[in-house]
Amino acid sequence: MIAKMARFYWEVQYMEAETRMYQVLEGRGIAPKFQVLGHVHEAGWVIGFLLEKISDGRHAEPADLEICKVALRRFHGRGFVHGDCNKYNFIIRPNGQVVLIDFDKANTCTDPALMEAEIASLEEQLAETTGRGGGLMAVDEGNGIAAK
């Protein structure tokens, strides 16, 4: 499992919004399995949650553009835009299934132009090489792995 928690009080609203999104997407084959019993509470606030770790997946690459577009259109078909379509938020399983993650910036949307703009941004996002959006990344330091 993956645990995601708010580090600061002002991030609680993002945890609550992301929790709602995972609940909406549960069982749809778009997002990881959301563990309903996996909420983390503090002082009456949901400050985090647990969800399925996609251990057999990898981050999207430029060659995955078409399958990522299909997955994002499926997500758009539910009436949402993702808001953060970086390559680290598209997990590719060995069978070619695309799993979307990190919905703290997702919003409801009925504007086809906004949805198409998000689709159009994918090619550039998947080719991005700065690590933006990757959070903690493992780096091979010769003798082992170090967090960057």
Protein backbone atom coordinates (compact mmCIF):
# COMPACT_ATOMS: atom_id res chain seq x y z
CA MET A 1 0.00 0.00 0.00
CA ILE A 2 0.90 3.64 -0.42
CA ALA A 3 0.18 6.11 2.36
CA LYS A 4 -0.37 9.73 1.39
CA MET A 5 -0.77 12.36 4.10
CA ALA A 6 -1.01 16.10 4.46
CA ARG A 7 2.21 17.53 5.84
CA PHE A 8 0.69 20.89 6.73
CA TYR A 9 -2.81 21.93 7.82
CA TRP A 10 -3.46 23.77 4.54
CA GLU A 11 -2.94 20.50 2.60
CA VAL A 12 -5.89 18.81 4.33
CA GLN A 13 -8.31 20.19 1.73
CA TYR A 14 -6.28 18.46 -1.01
CA MET A 15 -6.36 15.14 0.86
CA GLU A 16 -10.14 15.41 1.22
CA ALA A 17 -10.57 16.24 -2.48
CA GLU A 18 -8.28 13.41 -3.54
CA THR A 19 -10.09 10.98 -1.22
CA ARG A 20 -13.39 11.88 -2.90
CA MET A 21 -11.86 11.36 -6.35
CA TYR A 22 -10.52 7.91 -5.46
CA GLN A 23 -13.96 6.99 -4.11
CA VAL A 24 -15.62 8.11 -7.36
CA LEU A 25 -13.10 6.12 -9.44
CA GLU A 26 -13.14 2.95 -7.29
CA GLY A 27 -13.74 -0.15 -9.41
CA ARG A 28 -13.57 1.74 -12.73
CA GLY A 29 -10.11 0.47 -13.78
CA ILE A 30 -8.76 4.03 -14.01
CA ALA A 31 -7.10 4.46 -10.61
CA PRO A 32 -5.47 2.25 -7.97
CA LYS A 33 -7.73 0.41 -5.57
CA PHE A 34 -8.69 2.76 -2.79
CA GLN A 35 -8.75 1.20 0.65
CA VAL A 36 -11.95 2.51 2.25
CA LEU A 37 -10.67 1.59 5.71
CA GLY A 38 -7.43 3.39 5.03
CA HIS A 39 -8.22 6.94 6.08
CA VAL A 40 -5.82 8.70 8.42
CA HIS A 41 -7.59 11.07 10.83
CA GLU A 42 -6.31 13.72 13.19
CA ALA A 43 -8.47 16.08 15.25
CA GLY A 44 -11.55 15.25 13.16
CA TRP A 45 -9.84 15.87 9.81
CA VAL A 46 -8.93 13.36 7.12
CA ILE A 47 -5.20 14.02 6.81
CA GLY A 48 -4.32 11.04 4.65
CA PHE A 49 -5.30 7.75 3.09
CA LEU A 50 -4.02 4.37 1.95
CA LEU A 51 -4.29 3.06 -1.58
CA GLU A 52 -3.02 0.20 -3.67
CA LYS A 53 0.64 0.31 -4.65
CA ILE A 54 1.04 -0.54 -8.33
CA SER A 55 4.20 -2.58 -7.77
CA ASP A 56 4.31 -4.04 -11.29
CA GLY A 57 4.06 -0.67 -13.02
CA ARG A 58 6.42 1.94 -14.40
CA HIS A 59 6.07 5.64 -15.15
CA ALA A 60 4.84 6.61 -18.61
CA GLU A 61 7.29 7.39 -21.40
CA PRO A 62 6.87 9.12 -24.78
CA ALA A 63 6.16 5.75 -26.46
CA ASP A 64 3.08 5.41 -24.21
CA LEU A 65 1.40 8.53 -25.61
CA GLU A 66 -1.53 6.81 -27.31
CA ILE A 67 -2.48 4.54 -24.40
CA CYS A 68 -2.17 7.49 -22.01
CA LYS A 69 -4.52 9.51 -24.22
CA VAL A 70 -7.06 6.67 -24.11
CA ALA A 71 -6.83 6.47 -20.31
CA LEU A 72 -7.14 10.25 -19.91
CA ARG A 73 -10.17 10.32 -22.23
CA ARG A 74 -11.78 7.60 -20.08
CA PHE A 75 -11.15 9.81 -17.05
CA HIS A 76 -12.57 12.85 -18.88
CA GLY A 77 -15.61 10.74 -19.73
CA ARG A 78 -16.41 10.65 -16.00
CA GLY A 79 -16.66 14.48 -16.10
CA PHE A 80 -13.27 15.50 -14.69
CA VAL A 81 -9.96 17.05 -15.71
CA HIS A 82 -6.84 15.75 -13.96
CA GLY A 83 -5.00 19.04 -13.52
CA ASP A 84 -1.54 17.46 -13.20
CA CYS A 85 -0.80 15.25 -16.20
CA ASN A 86 2.90 14.77 -15.63
CA LYS A 87 4.40 11.42 -16.65
CA TYR A 88 4.72 10.24 -13.05
CA ASN A 89 0.93 10.29 -12.66
CA PHE A 90 0.48 7.68 -15.42
CA ILE A 91 1.51 4.19 -14.27
CA ILE A 92 1.88 1.61 -17.04
CA ARG A 93 1.35 -2.03 -16.12
CA PRO A 94 3.02 -4.87 -18.09
CA ASN A 95 -0.34 -5.70 -19.73
CA GLY A 96 -0.57 -2.13 -21.10
CA GLN A 97 -3.20 -0.96 -18.60
CA VAL A 98 -2.73 2.68 -17.63
CA VAL A 99 -3.48 3.64 -14.04
CA LEU A 100 -3.85 7.32 -13.16
CA ILE A 101 -2.79 8.64 -9.76
CA ASP A 102 -2.47 11.89 -7.80
CA PHE A 103 -5.87 13.55 -8.10
CA ASP A 104 -5.41 16.44 -5.67
CA LYS A 105 -5.76 18.96 -8.53
CA ALA A 106 -8.62 17.17 -10.34
CA ASN A 107 -11.85 19.08 -10.90
CA THR A 108 -15.24 18.49 -12.40
CA CYS A 109 -15.37 19.74 -15.97
CA THR A 110 -17.89 19.88 -18.80
CA ASP A 111 -15.76 22.01 -21.14
CA PRO A 112 -14.51 19.89 -24.09
CA ALA A 113 -11.87 22.53 -24.90
CA LEU A 114 -10.26 22.18 -21.46
CA MET A 115 -10.30 18.40 -21.77
CA GLU A 116 -8.70 18.54 -25.22
CA ALA A 117 -6.05 20.98 -23.95
CA GLU A 118 -5.14 18.45 -21.27
CA ILE A 119 -4.91 15.70 -23.93
CA ALA A 120 -2.78 17.98 -26.12
CA SER A 121 -0.34 18.57 -23.23
CA LEU A 122 0.44 14.85 -22.88
CA GLU A 123 3.10 14.62 -25.58
CA GLU A 124 5.19 17.33 -23.92
CA GLN A 125 4.50 15.97 -20.42
CA LEU A 126 5.63 12.44 -21.29
CA ALA A 127 8.84 13.74 -22.89
CA GLU A 128 9.73 15.92 -19.89
CA THR A 129 13.13 15.03 -18.37
CA THR A 130 13.63 17.36 -15.37
CA GLY A 131 11.90 15.05 -12.89
CA ARG A 132 9.15 17.62 -12.22
CA GLY A 133 6.28 15.83 -10.54
CA GLY A 134 8.31 12.79 -9.58
CA GLY A 135 8.45 13.46 -5.86
CA LEU A 136 11.04 11.20 -4.27
CA MET A 137 12.96 9.38 -6.95
CA ALA A 138 15.43 6.53 -6.51
CA VAL A 139 18.88 7.28 -7.88
CA ASP A 140 21.57 4.62 -8.39
CA GLU A 141 24.66 5.91 -6.58
CA GLY A 142 26.91 2.98 -7.62
CA ASN A 143 26.84 1.15 -4.29
CA GLY A 144 23.12 1.33 -3.73
CA ILE A 145 20.06 3.47 -4.03
CA ALA A 146 19.75 6.95 -2.55
CA ALA A 147 16.71 9.19 -2.31
CA LYS A 148 16.86 12.37 -4.32
